[in-house]
Amino acid sequence: LAGCNKSNTSGLPMNTPTSESNSAV
C-alpha cells in the first residue's frame, strides 16, 4: 500500500466490527 492517505481498494471491511455500540451516542 502506498501510504496513510491511500483509500480502501483492498476490499477489507472497515465496518468490520459488528458492535452496534460503535454508532451509539
PDBML (XML) file of the C-alpha atoms, coordinates in Angstrom:
<?xml version="1.0" encoding="UTF-8" ?>
<PDBx:datablock datablockName="MODEL"
   xmlns:PDBx="http://pdbml.pdb.org/schema/pdbx-v50.xsd"
   xmlns:xsi="http://www.w3.org/2001/XMLSchema-instance"
   xsi:schemaLocation="http://pdbml.pdb.org/schema/pdbx-v50.xsd pdbx-v50.xsd">
   <PDBx:atom_siteCategory>
      <PDBx:atom_site id="1">
         <PDBx:B_iso_or_equiv>0.00</PDBx:B_iso_or_equiv>
         <PDBx:Cartn_x>0.000</PDBx:Cartn_x>
         <PDBx:Cartn_y>0.000</PDBx:Cartn_y>
         <PDBx:Cartn_z>0.000</PDBx:Cartn_z>
         <PDBx:auth_asym_id>A</PDBx:auth_asym_id>
         <PDBx:auth_atom_id>CA</PDBx:auth_atom_id>
         <PDBx:auth_comp_id>LEU</PDBx:auth_comp_id>
         <PDBx:auth_seq_id>1</PDBx:auth_seq_id>
         <PDBx:group_PDB>ATOM</PDBx:group_PDB>
         <PDBx:label_alt_id xsi:nil="true" />
         <PDBx:label_asym_id>A</PDBx:label_asym_id>
         <PDBx:label_atom_id>CA</PDBx:label_atom_id>
         <PDBx:label_comp_id>LEU</PDBx:label_comp_id>
         <PDBx:label_entity_id>1</PDBx:label_entity_id>
         <PDBx:label_seq_id>1</PDBx:label_seq_id>
         <PDBx:occupancy>1.00</PDBx:occupancy>
         <PDBx:pdbx_PDB_model_num>1</PDBx:pdbx_PDB_model_num>
         <PDBx:type_symbol>C</PDBx:type_symbol>
      </PDBx:atom_site>
      <PDBx:atom_site id="2">
         <PDBx:B_iso_or_equiv>0.00</PDBx:B_iso_or_equiv>
         <PDBx:Cartn_x>1.204</PDBx:Cartn_x>
         <PDBx:Cartn_y>3.455</PDBx:Cartn_y>
         <PDBx:Cartn_z>-0.855</PDBx:Cartn_z>
         <PDBx:auth_asym_id>A</PDBx:auth_asym_id>
         <PDBx:auth_atom_id>CA</PDBx:auth_atom_id>
         <PDBx:auth_comp_id>ALA</PDBx:auth_comp_id>
         <PDBx:auth_seq_id>2</PDBx:auth_seq_id>
         <PDBx:group_PDB>ATOM</PDBx:group_PDB>
         <PDBx:label_alt_id xsi:nil="true" />
         <PDBx:label_asym_id>A</PDBx:label_asym_id>
         <PDBx:label_atom_id>CA</PDBx:label_atom_id>
         <PDBx:label_comp_id>ALA</PDBx:label_comp_id>
         <PDBx:label_entity_id>1</PDBx:label_entity_id>
         <PDBx:label_seq_id>2</PDBx:label_seq_id>
         <PDBx:occupancy>1.00</PDBx:occupancy>
         <PDBx:pdbx_PDB_model_num>1</PDBx:pdbx_PDB_model_num>
         <PDBx:type_symbol>C</PDBx:type_symbol>
      </PDBx:atom_site>
      <PDBx:atom_site id="3">
         <PDBx:B_iso_or_equiv>0.00</PDBx:B_iso_or_equiv>
         <PDBx:Cartn_x>0.738</PDBx:Cartn_x>
         <PDBx:Cartn_y>5.254</PDBx:Cartn_y>
         <PDBx:Cartn_z>2.454</PDBx:Cartn_z>
         <PDBx:auth_asym_id>A</PDBx:auth_asym_id>
         <PDBx:auth_atom_id>CA</PDBx:auth_atom_id>
         <PDBx:auth_comp_id>GLY</PDBx:auth_comp_id>
         <PDBx:auth_seq_id>3</PDBx:auth_seq_id>
         <PDBx:group_PDB>ATOM</PDBx:group_PDB>
         <PDBx:label_alt_id xsi:nil="true" />
         <PDBx:label_asym_id>A</PDBx:label_asym_id>
         <PDBx:label_atom_id>CA</PDBx:label_atom_id>
         <PDBx:label_comp_id>GLY</PDBx:label_comp_id>
         <PDBx:label_entity_id>1</PDBx:label_entity_id>
         <PDBx:label_seq_id>3</PDBx:label_seq_id>
         <PDBx:occupancy>1.00</PDBx:occupancy>
         <PDBx:pdbx_PDB_model_num>1</PDBx:pdbx_PDB_model_num>
         <PDBx:type_symbol>C</PDBx:type_symbol>
      </PDBx:atom_site>
      <PDBx:atom_site id="4">
         <PDBx:B_iso_or_equiv>0.00</PDBx:B_iso_or_equiv>
         <PDBx:Cartn_x>-1.554</PDBx:Cartn_x>
         <PDBx:Cartn_y>6.544</PDBx:Cartn_y>
         <PDBx:Cartn_z>5.124</PDBx:Cartn_z>
         <PDBx:auth_asym_id>A</PDBx:auth_asym_id>
         <PDBx:auth_atom_id>CA</PDBx:auth_atom_id>
         <PDBx:auth_comp_id>CYS</PDBx:auth_comp_id>
         <PDBx:auth_seq_id>4</PDBx:auth_seq_id>
         <PDBx:group_PDB>ATOM</PDBx:group_PDB>
         <PDBx:label_alt_id xsi:nil="true" />
         <PDBx:label_asym_id>A</PDBx:label_asym_id>
         <PDBx:label_atom_id>CA</PDBx:label_atom_id>
         <PDBx:label_comp_id>CYS</PDBx:label_comp_id>
         <PDBx:label_entity_id>1</PDBx:label_entity_id>
         <PDBx:label_seq_id>4</PDBx:label_seq_id>
         <PDBx:occupancy>1.00</PDBx:occupancy>
         <PDBx:pdbx_PDB_model_num>1</PDBx:pdbx_PDB_model_num>
         <PDBx:type_symbol>C</PDBx:type_symbol>
      </PDBx:atom_site>
      <PDBx:atom_site id="5">
         <PDBx:B_iso_or_equiv>0.00</PDBx:B_iso_or_equiv>
         <PDBx:Cartn_x>-3.673</PDBx:Cartn_x>
         <PDBx:Cartn_y>8.508</PDBx:Cartn_y>
         <PDBx:Cartn_z>2.690</PDBx:Cartn_z>
         <PDBx:auth_asym_id>A</PDBx:auth_asym_id>
         <PDBx:auth_atom_id>CA</PDBx:auth_atom_id>
         <PDBx:auth_comp_id>ASN</PDBx:auth_comp_id>
         <PDBx:auth_seq_id>5</PDBx:auth_seq_id>
         <PDBx:group_PDB>ATOM</PDBx:group_PDB>
         <PDBx:label_alt_id xsi:nil="true" />
         <PDBx:label_asym_id>A</PDBx:label_asym_id>
         <PDBx:label_atom_id>CA</PDBx:label_atom_id>
         <PDBx:label_comp_id>ASN</PDBx:label_comp_id>
         <PDBx:label_entity_id>1</PDBx:label_entity_id>
         <PDBx:label_seq_id>5</PDBx:label_seq_id>
         <PDBx:occupancy>1.00</PDBx:occupancy>
         <PDBx:pdbx_PDB_model_num>1</PDBx:pdbx_PDB_model_num>
         <PDBx:type_symbol>C</PDBx:type_symbol>
      </PDBx:atom_site>
      <PDBx:atom_site id="6">
         <PDBx:B_iso_or_equiv>0.00</PDBx:B_iso_or_equiv>
         <PDBx:Cartn_x>-4.423</PDBx:Cartn_x>
         <PDBx:Cartn_y>5.559</PDBx:Cartn_y>
         <PDBx:Cartn_z>0.455</PDBx:Cartn_z>
         <PDBx:auth_asym_id>A</PDBx:auth_asym_id>
         <PDBx:auth_atom_id>CA</PDBx:auth_atom_id>
         <PDBx:auth_comp_id>LYS</PDBx:auth_comp_id>
         <PDBx:auth_seq_id>6</PDBx:auth_seq_id>
         <PDBx:group_PDB>ATOM</PDBx:group_PDB>
         <PDBx:label_alt_id xsi:nil="true" />
         <PDBx:label_asym_id>A</PDBx:label_asym_id>
         <PDBx:label_atom_id>CA</PDBx:label_atom_id>
         <PDBx:label_comp_id>LYS</PDBx:label_comp_id>
         <PDBx:label_entity_id>1</PDBx:label_entity_id>
         <PDBx:label_seq_id>6</PDBx:label_seq_id>
         <PDBx:occupancy>1.00</PDBx:occupancy>
         <PDBx:pdbx_PDB_model_num>1</PDBx:pdbx_PDB_model_num>
         <PDBx:type_symbol>C</PDBx:type_symbol>
      </PDBx:atom_site>
      <PDBx:atom_site id="7">
         <PDBx:B_iso_or_equiv>0.00</PDBx:B_iso_or_equiv>
         <PDBx:Cartn_x>-8.122</PDBx:Cartn_x>
         <PDBx:Cartn_y>4.860</PDBx:Cartn_y>
         <PDBx:Cartn_z>0.016</PDBx:Cartn_z>
         <PDBx:auth_asym_id>A</PDBx:auth_asym_id>
         <PDBx:auth_atom_id>CA</PDBx:auth_atom_id>
         <PDBx:auth_comp_id>SER</PDBx:auth_comp_id>
         <PDBx:auth_seq_id>7</PDBx:auth_seq_id>
         <PDBx:group_PDB>ATOM</PDBx:group_PDB>
         <PDBx:label_alt_id xsi:nil="true" />
         <PDBx:label_asym_id>A</PDBx:label_asym_id>
         <PDBx:label_atom_id>CA</PDBx:label_atom_id>
         <PDBx:label_comp_id>SER</PDBx:label_comp_id>
         <PDBx:label_entity_id>1</PDBx:label_entity_id>
         <PDBx:label_seq_id>7</PDBx:label_seq_id>
         <PDBx:occupancy>1.00</PDBx:occupancy>
         <PDBx:pdbx_PDB_model_num>1</PDBx:pdbx_PDB_model_num>
         <PDBx:type_symbol>C</PDBx:type_symbol>
      </PDBx:atom_site>
      <PDBx:atom_site id="8">
         <PDBx:B_iso_or_equiv>0.00</PDBx:B_iso_or_equiv>
         <PDBx:Cartn_x>-9.592</PDBx:Cartn_x>
         <PDBx:Cartn_y>1.419</PDBx:Cartn_y>
         <PDBx:Cartn_z>0.541</PDBx:Cartn_z>
         <PDBx:auth_asym_id>A</PDBx:auth_asym_id>
         <PDBx:auth_atom_id>CA</PDBx:auth_atom_id>
         <PDBx:auth_comp_id>ASN</PDBx:auth_comp_id>
         <PDBx:auth_seq_id>8</PDBx:auth_seq_id>
         <PDBx:group_PDB>ATOM</PDBx:group_PDB>
         <PDBx:label_alt_id xsi:nil="true" />
         <PDBx:label_asym_id>A</PDBx:label_asym_id>
         <PDBx:label_atom_id>CA</PDBx:label_atom_id>
         <PDBx:label_comp_id>ASN</PDBx:label_comp_id>
         <PDBx:label_entity_id>1</PDBx:label_entity_id>
         <PDBx:label_seq_id>8</PDBx:label_seq_id>
         <PDBx:occupancy>1.00</PDBx:occupancy>
         <PDBx:pdbx_PDB_model_num>1</PDBx:pdbx_PDB_model_num>
         <PDBx:type_symbol>C</PDBx:type_symbol>
      </PDBx:atom_site>
      <PDBx:atom_site id="9">
         <PDBx:B_iso_or_equiv>0.00</PDBx:B_iso_or_equiv>
         <PDBx:Cartn_x>-9.015</PDBx:Cartn_x>
         <PDBx:Cartn_y>-0.626</PDBx:Cartn_y>
         <PDBx:Cartn_z>-2.568</PDBx:Cartn_z>
         <PDBx:auth_asym_id>A</PDBx:auth_asym_id>
         <PDBx:auth_atom_id>CA</PDBx:auth_atom_id>
         <PDBx:auth_comp_id>THR</PDBx:auth_comp_id>
         <PDBx:auth_seq_id>9</PDBx:auth_seq_id>
         <PDBx:group_PDB>ATOM</PDBx:group_PDB>
         <PDBx:label_alt_id xsi:nil="true" />
         <PDBx:label_asym_id>A</PDBx:label_asym_id>
         <PDBx:label_atom_id>CA</PDBx:label_atom_id>
         <PDBx:label_comp_id>THR</PDBx:label_comp_id>
         <PDBx:label_entity_id>1</PDBx:label_entity_id>
         <PDBx:label_seq_id>9</PDBx:label_seq_id>
         <PDBx:occupancy>1.00</PDBx:occupancy>
         <PDBx:pdbx_PDB_model_num>1</PDBx:pdbx_PDB_model_num>
         <PDBx:type_symbol>C</PDBx:type_symbol>
      </PDBx:atom_site>
      <PDBx:atom_site id="10">
         <PDBx:B_iso_or_equiv>0.00</PDBx:B_iso_or_equiv>
         <PDBx:Cartn_x>-8.213</PDBx:Cartn_x>
         <PDBx:Cartn_y>-3.910</PDBx:Cartn_y>
         <PDBx:Cartn_z>-0.890</PDBx:Cartn_z>
         <PDBx:auth_asym_id>A</PDBx:auth_asym_id>
         <PDBx:auth_atom_id>CA</PDBx:auth_atom_id>
         <PDBx:auth_comp_id>SER</PDBx:auth_comp_id>
         <PDBx:auth_seq_id>10</PDBx:auth_seq_id>
         <PDBx:group_PDB>ATOM</PDBx:group_PDB>
         <PDBx:label_alt_id xsi:nil="true" />
         <PDBx:label_asym_id>A</PDBx:label_asym_id>
         <PDBx:label_atom_id>CA</PDBx:label_atom_id>
         <PDBx:label_comp_id>SER</PDBx:label_comp_id>
         <PDBx:label_entity_id>1</PDBx:label_entity_id>
         <PDBx:label_seq_id>10</PDBx:label_seq_id>
         <PDBx:occupancy>1.00</PDBx:occupancy>
         <PDBx:pdbx_PDB_model_num>1</PDBx:pdbx_PDB_model_num>
         <PDBx:type_symbol>C</PDBx:type_symbol>
      </PDBx:atom_site>
      <PDBx:atom_site id="11">
         <PDBx:B_iso_or_equiv>0.00</PDBx:B_iso_or_equiv>
         <PDBx:Cartn_x>-11.789</PDBx:Cartn_x>
         <PDBx:Cartn_y>-4.982</PDBx:Cartn_y>
         <PDBx:Cartn_z>-0.222</PDBx:Cartn_z>
         <PDBx:auth_asym_id>A</PDBx:auth_asym_id>
         <PDBx:auth_atom_id>CA</PDBx:auth_atom_id>
         <PDBx:auth_comp_id>GLY</PDBx:auth_comp_id>
         <PDBx:auth_seq_id>11</PDBx:auth_seq_id>
         <PDBx:group_PDB>ATOM</PDBx:group_PDB>
         <PDBx:label_alt_id xsi:nil="true" />
         <PDBx:label_asym_id>A</PDBx:label_asym_id>
         <PDBx:label_atom_id>CA</PDBx:label_atom_id>
         <PDBx:label_comp_id>GLY</PDBx:label_comp_id>
         <PDBx:label_entity_id>1</PDBx:label_entity_id>
         <PDBx:label_seq_id>11</PDBx:label_seq_id>
         <PDBx:occupancy>1.00</PDBx:occupancy>
         <PDBx:pdbx_PDB_model_num>1</PDBx:pdbx_PDB_model_num>
         <PDBx:type_symbol>C</PDBx:type_symbol>
      </PDBx:atom_site>
      <PDBx:atom_site id="12">
         <PDBx:B_iso_or_equiv>0.00</PDBx:B_iso_or_equiv>
         <PDBx:Cartn_x>-11.106</PDBx:Cartn_x>
         <PDBx:Cartn_y>-5.218</PDBx:Cartn_y>
         <PDBx:Cartn_z>3.515</PDBx:Cartn_z>
         <PDBx:auth_asym_id>A</PDBx:auth_asym_id>
         <PDBx:auth_atom_id>CA</PDBx:auth_atom_id>
         <PDBx:auth_comp_id>LEU</PDBx:auth_comp_id>
         <PDBx:auth_seq_id>12</PDBx:auth_seq_id>
         <PDBx:group_PDB>ATOM</PDBx:group_PDB>
         <PDBx:label_alt_id xsi:nil="true" />
         <PDBx:label_asym_id>A</PDBx:label_asym_id>
         <PDBx:label_atom_id>CA</PDBx:label_atom_id>
         <PDBx:label_comp_id>LEU</PDBx:label_comp_id>
         <PDBx:label_entity_id>1</PDBx:label_entity_id>
         <PDBx:label_seq_id>12</PDBx:label_seq_id>
         <PDBx:occupancy>1.00</PDBx:occupancy>
         <PDBx:pdbx_PDB_model_num>1</PDBx:pdbx_PDB_model_num>
         <PDBx:type_symbol>C</PDBx:type_symbol>
      </PDBx:atom_site>
      <PDBx:atom_site id="13">
         <PDBx:B_iso_or_equiv>0.00</PDBx:B_iso_or_equiv>
         <PDBx:Cartn_x>-14.122</PDBx:Cartn_x>
         <PDBx:Cartn_y>-4.291</PDBx:Cartn_y>
         <PDBx:Cartn_z>5.613</PDBx:Cartn_z>
         <PDBx:auth_asym_id>A</PDBx:auth_asym_id>
         <PDBx:auth_atom_id>CA</PDBx:auth_atom_id>
         <PDBx:auth_comp_id>PRO</PDBx:auth_comp_id>
         <PDBx:auth_seq_id>13</PDBx:auth_seq_id>
         <PDBx:group_PDB>ATOM</PDBx:group_PDB>
         <PDBx:label_alt_id xsi:nil="true" />
         <PDBx:label_asym_id>A</PDBx:label_asym_id>
         <PDBx:label_atom_id>CA</PDBx:label_atom_id>
         <PDBx:label_comp_id>PRO</PDBx:label_comp_id>
         <PDBx:label_entity_id>1</PDBx:label_entity_id>
         <PDBx:label_seq_id>13</PDBx:label_seq_id>
         <PDBx:occupancy>1.00</PDBx:occupancy>
         <PDBx:pdbx_PDB_model_num>1</PDBx:pdbx_PDB_model_num>
         <PDBx:type_symbol>C</PDBx:type_symbol>
      </PDBx:atom_site>
      <PDBx:atom_site id="14">
         <PDBx:B_iso_or_equiv>0.00</PDBx:B_iso_or_equiv>
         <PDBx:Cartn_x>-13.678</PDBx:Cartn_x>
         <PDBx:Cartn_y>-1.153</PDBx:Cartn_y>
         <PDBx:Cartn_z>7.620</PDBx:Cartn_z>
         <PDBx:auth_asym_id>A</PDBx:auth_asym_id>
         <PDBx:auth_atom_id>CA</PDBx:auth_atom_id>
         <PDBx:auth_comp_id>MET</PDBx:auth_comp_id>
         <PDBx:auth_seq_id>14</PDBx:auth_seq_id>
         <PDBx:group_PDB>ATOM</PDBx:group_PDB>
         <PDBx:label_alt_id xsi:nil="true" />
         <PDBx:label_asym_id>A</PDBx:label_asym_id>
         <PDBx:label_atom_id>CA</PDBx:label_atom_id>
         <PDBx:label_comp_id>MET</PDBx:label_comp_id>
         <PDBx:label_entity_id>1</PDBx:label_entity_id>
         <PDBx:label_seq_id>14</PDBx:label_seq_id>
         <PDBx:occupancy>1.00</PDBx:occupancy>
         <PDBx:pdbx_PDB_model_num>1</PDBx:pdbx_PDB_model_num>
         <PDBx:type_symbol>C</PDBx:type_symbol>
      </PDBx:atom_site>
      <PDBx:atom_site id="15">
         <PDBx:B_iso_or_equiv>0.00</PDBx:B_iso_or_equiv>
         <PDBx:Cartn_x>-17.087</PDBx:Cartn_x>
         <PDBx:Cartn_y>-1.521</PDBx:Cartn_y>
         <PDBx:Cartn_z>9.147</PDBx:Cartn_z>
         <PDBx:auth_asym_id>A</PDBx:auth_asym_id>
         <PDBx:auth_atom_id>CA</PDBx:auth_atom_id>
         <PDBx:auth_comp_id>ASN</PDBx:auth_comp_id>
         <PDBx:auth_seq_id>15</PDBx:auth_seq_id>
         <PDBx:group_PDB>ATOM</PDBx:group_PDB>
         <PDBx:label_alt_id xsi:nil="true" />
         <PDBx:label_asym_id>A</PDBx:label_asym_id>
         <PDBx:label_atom_id>CA</PDBx:label_atom_id>
         <PDBx:label_comp_id>ASN</PDBx:label_comp_id>
         <PDBx:label_entity_id>1</PDBx:label_entity_id>
         <PDBx:label_seq_id>15</PDBx:label_seq_id>
         <PDBx:occupancy>1.00</PDBx:occupancy>
         <PDBx:pdbx_PDB_model_num>1</PDBx:pdbx_PDB_model_num>
         <PDBx:type_symbol>C</PDBx:type_symbol>
      </PDBx:atom_site>
      <PDBx:atom_site id="16">
         <PDBx:B_iso_or_equiv>0.00</PDBx:B_iso_or_equiv>
         <PDBx:Cartn_x>-15.685</PDBx:Cartn_x>
         <PDBx:Cartn_y>-4.878</PDBx:Cartn_y>
         <PDBx:Cartn_z>10.243</PDBx:Cartn_z>
         <PDBx:auth_asym_id>A</PDBx:auth_asym_id>
         <PDBx:auth_atom_id>CA</PDBx:auth_atom_id>
         <PDBx:auth_comp_id>THR</PDBx:auth_comp_id>
         <PDBx:auth_seq_id>16</PDBx:auth_seq_id>
         <PDBx:group_PDB>ATOM</PDBx:group_PDB>
         <PDBx:label_alt_id xsi:nil="true" />
         <PDBx:label_asym_id>A</PDBx:label_asym_id>
         <PDBx:label_atom_id>CA</PDBx:label_atom_id>
         <PDBx:label_comp_id>THR</PDBx:label_comp_id>
         <PDBx:label_entity_id>1</PDBx:label_entity_id>
         <PDBx:label_seq_id>16</PDBx:label_seq_id>
         <PDBx:occupancy>1.00</PDBx:occupancy>
         <PDBx:pdbx_PDB_model_num>1</PDBx:pdbx_PDB_model_num>
         <PDBx:type_symbol>C</PDBx:type_symbol>
      </PDBx:atom_site>
      <PDBx:atom_site id="17">
         <PDBx:B_iso_or_equiv>0.00</PDBx:B_iso_or_equiv>
         <PDBx:Cartn_x>-16.641</PDBx:Cartn_x>
         <PDBx:Cartn_y>-4.765</PDBx:Cartn_y>
         <PDBx:Cartn_z>13.932</PDBx:Cartn_z>
         <PDBx:auth_asym_id>A</PDBx:auth_asym_id>
         <PDBx:auth_atom_id>CA</PDBx:auth_atom_id>
         <PDBx:auth_comp_id>PRO</PDBx:auth_comp_id>
         <PDBx:auth_seq_id>17</PDBx:auth_seq_id>
         <PDBx:group_PDB>ATOM</PDBx:group_PDB>
         <PDBx:label_alt_id xsi:nil="true" />
         <PDBx:label_asym_id>A</PDBx:label_asym_id>
         <PDBx:label_atom_id>CA</PDBx:label_atom_id>
         <PDBx:label_comp_id>PRO</PDBx:label_comp_id>
         <PDBx:label_entity_id>1</PDBx:label_entity_id>
         <PDBx:label_seq_id>17</PDBx:label_seq_id>
         <PDBx:occupancy>1.00</PDBx:occupancy>
         <PDBx:pdbx_PDB_model_num>1</PDBx:pdbx_PDB_model_num>
         <PDBx:type_symbol>C</PDBx:type_symbol>
      </PDBx:atom_site>
      <PDBx:atom_site id="18">
         <PDBx:B_iso_or_equiv>0.00</PDBx:B_iso_or_equiv>
         <PDBx:Cartn_x>-20.244</PDBx:Cartn_x>
         <PDBx:Cartn_y>-5.789</PDBx:Cartn_y>
         <PDBx:Cartn_z>14.319</PDBx:Cartn_z>
         <PDBx:auth_asym_id>A</PDBx:auth_asym_id>
         <PDBx:auth_atom_id>CA</PDBx:auth_atom_id>
         <PDBx:auth_comp_id>THR</PDBx:auth_comp_id>
         <PDBx:auth_seq_id>18</PDBx:auth_seq_id>
         <PDBx:group_PDB>ATOM</PDBx:group_PDB>
         <PDBx:label_alt_id xsi:nil="true" />
         <PDBx:label_asym_id>A</PDBx:label_asym_id>
         <PDBx:label_atom_id>CA</PDBx:label_atom_id>
         <PDBx:label_comp_id>THR</PDBx:label_comp_id>
         <PDBx:label_entity_id>1</PDBx:label_entity_id>
         <PDBx:label_seq_id>18</PDBx:label_seq_id>
         <PDBx:occupancy>1.00</PDBx:occupancy>
         <PDBx:pdbx_PDB_model_num>1</PDBx:pdbx_PDB_model_num>
         <PDBx:type_symbol>C</PDBx:type_symbol>
      </PDBx:atom_site>
      <PDBx:atom_site id="19">
         <PDBx:B_iso_or_equiv>0.00</PDBx:B_iso_or_equiv>
         <PDBx:Cartn_x>-20.753</PDBx:Cartn_x>
         <PDBx:Cartn_y>-3.993</PDBx:Cartn_y>
         <PDBx:Cartn_z>17.620</PDBx:Cartn_z>
         <PDBx:auth_asym_id>A</PDBx:auth_asym_id>
         <PDBx:auth_atom_id>CA</PDBx:auth_atom_id>
         <PDBx:auth_comp_id>SER</PDBx:auth_comp_id>
         <PDBx:auth_seq_id>19</PDBx:auth_seq_id>
         <PDBx:group_PDB>ATOM</PDBx:group_PDB>
         <PDBx:label_alt_id xsi:nil="true" />
         <PDBx:label_asym_id>A</PDBx:label_asym_id>
         <PDBx:label_atom_id>CA</PDBx:label_atom_id>
         <PDBx:label_comp_id>SER</PDBx:label_comp_id>
         <PDBx:label_entity_id>1</PDBx:label_entity_id>
         <PDBx:label_seq_id>19</PDBx:label_seq_id>
         <PDBx:occupancy>1.00</PDBx:occupancy>
         <PDBx:pdbx_PDB_model_num>1</PDBx:pdbx_PDB_model_num>
         <PDBx:type_symbol>C</PDBx:type_symbol>
      </PDBx:atom_site>
      <PDBx:atom_site id="20">
         <PDBx:B_iso_or_equiv>0.00</PDBx:B_iso_or_equiv>
         <PDBx:Cartn_x>-23.794</PDBx:Cartn_x>
         <PDBx:Cartn_y>-1.756</PDBx:Cartn_y>
         <PDBx:Cartn_z>17.470</PDBx:Cartn_z>
         <PDBx:auth_asym_id>A</PDBx:auth_asym_id>
         <PDBx:auth_atom_id>CA</PDBx:auth_atom_id>
         <PDBx:auth_comp_id>GLU</PDBx:auth_comp_id>
         <PDBx:auth_seq_id>20</PDBx:auth_seq_id>
         <PDBx:group_PDB>ATOM</PDBx:group_PDB>
         <PDBx:label_alt_id xsi:nil="true" />
         <PDBx:label_asym_id>A</PDBx:label_asym_id>
         <PDBx:label_atom_id>CA</PDBx:label_atom_id>
         <PDBx:label_comp_id>GLU</PDBx:label_comp_id>
         <PDBx:label_entity_id>1</PDBx:label_entity_id>
         <PDBx:label_seq_id>20</PDBx:label_seq_id>
         <PDBx:occupancy>1.00</PDBx:occupancy>
         <PDBx:pdbx_PDB_model_num>1</PDBx:pdbx_PDB_model_num>
         <PDBx:type_symbol>C</PDBx:type_symbol>
      </PDBx:atom_site>
      <PDBx:atom_site id="21">
         <PDBx:B_iso_or_equiv>0.00</PDBx:B_iso_or_equiv>
         <PDBx:Cartn_x>-22.165</PDBx:Cartn_x>
         <PDBx:Cartn_y>0.297</PDBx:Cartn_y>
         <PDBx:Cartn_z>20.201</PDBx:Cartn_z>
         <PDBx:auth_asym_id>A</PDBx:auth_asym_id>
         <PDBx:auth_atom_id>CA</PDBx:auth_atom_id>
         <PDBx:auth_comp_id>SER</PDBx:auth_comp_id>
         <PDBx:auth_seq_id>21</PDBx:auth_seq_id>
         <PDBx:group_PDB>ATOM</PDBx:group_PDB>
         <PDBx:label_alt_id xsi:nil="true" />
         <PDBx:label_asym_id>A</PDBx:label_asym_id>
         <PDBx:label_atom_id>CA</PDBx:label_atom_id>
         <PDBx:label_comp_id>SER</PDBx:label_comp_id>
         <PDBx:label_entity_id>1</PDBx:label_entity_id>
         <PDBx:label_seq_id>21</PDBx:label_seq_id>
         <PDBx:occupancy>1.00</PDBx:occupancy>
         <PDBx:pdbx_PDB_model_num>1</PDBx:pdbx_PDB_model_num>
         <PDBx:type_symbol>C</PDBx:type_symbol>
      </PDBx:atom_site>
      <PDBx:atom_site id="22">
         <PDBx:B_iso_or_equiv>0.00</PDBx:B_iso_or_equiv>
         <PDBx:Cartn_x>-19.828</PDBx:Cartn_x>
         <PDBx:Cartn_y>1.810</PDBx:Cartn_y>
         <PDBx:Cartn_z>17.633</PDBx:Cartn_z>
         <PDBx:auth_asym_id>A</PDBx:auth_asym_id>
         <PDBx:auth_atom_id>CA</PDBx:auth_atom_id>
         <PDBx:auth_comp_id>ASN</PDBx:auth_comp_id>
         <PDBx:auth_seq_id>22</PDBx:auth_seq_id>
         <PDBx:group_PDB>ATOM</PDBx:group_PDB>
         <PDBx:label_alt_id xsi:nil="true" />
         <PDBx:label_asym_id>A</PDBx:label_asym_id>
         <PDBx:label_atom_id>CA</PDBx:label_atom_id>
         <PDBx:label_comp_id>ASN</PDBx:label_comp_id>
         <PDBx:label_entity_id>1</PDBx:label_entity_id>
         <PDBx:label_seq_id>22</PDBx:label_seq_id>
         <PDBx:occupancy>1.00</PDBx:occupancy>
         <PDBx:pdbx_PDB_model_num>1</PDBx:pdbx_PDB_model_num>
         <PDBx:type_symbol>C</PDBx:type_symbol>
      </PDBx:atom_site>
      <PDBx:atom_site id="23">
         <PDBx:B_iso_or_equiv>0.00</PDBx:B_iso_or_equiv>
         <PDBx:Cartn_x>-22.588</PDBx:Cartn_x>
         <PDBx:Cartn_y>4.023</PDBx:Cartn_y>
         <PDBx:Cartn_z>16.303</PDBx:Cartn_z>
         <PDBx:auth_asym_id>A</PDBx:auth_asym_id>
         <PDBx:auth_atom_id>CA</PDBx:auth_atom_id>
         <PDBx:auth_comp_id>SER</PDBx:auth_comp_id>
         <PDBx:auth_seq_id>23</PDBx:auth_seq_id>
         <PDBx:group_PDB>ATOM</PDBx:group_PDB>
         <PDBx:label_alt_id xsi:nil="true" />
         <PDBx:label_asym_id>A</PDBx:label_asym_id>
         <PDBx:label_atom_id>CA</PDBx:label_atom_id>
         <PDBx:label_comp_id>SER</PDBx:label_comp_id>
         <PDBx:label_entity_id>1</PDBx:label_entity_id>
         <PDBx:label_seq_id>23</PDBx:label_seq_id>
         <PDBx:occupancy>1.00</PDBx:occupancy>
         <PDBx:pdbx_PDB_model_num>1</PDBx:pdbx_PDB_model_num>
         <PDBx:type_symbol>C</PDBx:type_symbol>
      </PDBx:atom_site>
      <PDBx:atom_site id="24">
         <PDBx:B_iso_or_equiv>0.00</PDBx:B_iso_or_equiv>
         <PDBx:Cartn_x>-24.343</PDBx:Cartn_x>
         <PDBx:Cartn_y>4.673</PDBx:Cartn_y>
         <PDBx:Cartn_z>19.578</PDBx:Cartn_z>
         <PDBx:auth_asym_id>A</PDBx:auth_asym_id>
         <PDBx:auth_atom_id>CA</PDBx:auth_atom_id>
         <PDBx:auth_comp_id>ALA</PDBx:auth_comp_id>
         <PDBx:auth_seq_id>24</PDBx:auth_seq_id>
         <PDBx:group_PDB>ATOM</PDBx:group_PDB>
         <PDBx:label_alt_id xsi:nil="true" />
         <PDBx:label_asym_id>A</PDBx:label_asym_id>
         <PDBx:label_atom_id>CA</PDBx:label_atom_id>
         <PDBx:label_comp_id>ALA</PDBx:label_comp_id>
         <PDBx:label_entity_id>1</PDBx:label_entity_id>
         <PDBx:label_seq_id>24</PDBx:label_seq_id>
         <PDBx:occupancy>1.00</PDBx:occupancy>
         <PDBx:pdbx_PDB_model_num>1</PDBx:pdbx_PDB_model_num>
         <PDBx:type_symbol>C</PDBx:type_symbol>
      </PDBx:atom_site>
      <PDBx:atom_site id="25">
         <PDBx:B_iso_or_equiv>0.00</PDBx:B_iso_or_equiv>
         <PDBx:Cartn_x>-24.350</PDBx:Cartn_x>
         <PDBx:Cartn_y>8.079</PDBx:Cartn_y>
         <PDBx:Cartn_z>21.186</PDBx:Cartn_z>
         <PDBx:auth_asym_id>A</PDBx:auth_asym_id>
         <PDBx:auth_atom_id>CA</PDBx:auth_atom_id>
         <PDBx:auth_comp_id>VAL</PDBx:auth_comp_id>
         <PDBx:auth_seq_id>25</PDBx:auth_seq_id>
         <PDBx:group_PDB>ATOM</PDBx:group_PDB>
         <PDBx:label_alt_id xsi:nil="true" />
         <PDBx:label_asym_id>A</PDBx:label_asym_id>
         <PDBx:label_atom_id>CA</PDBx:label_atom_id>
         <PDBx:label_comp_id>VAL</PDBx:label_comp_id>
         <PDBx:label_entity_id>1</PDBx:label_entity_id>
         <PDBx:label_seq_id>25</PDBx:label_seq_id>
         <PDBx:occupancy>1.00</PDBx:occupancy>
         <PDBx:pdbx_PDB_model_num>1</PDBx:pdbx_PDB_model_num>
         <PDBx:type_symbol>C</PDBx:type_symbol>
      </PDBx:atom_site>
   </PDBx:atom_siteCategory>
</PDBx:datablock>
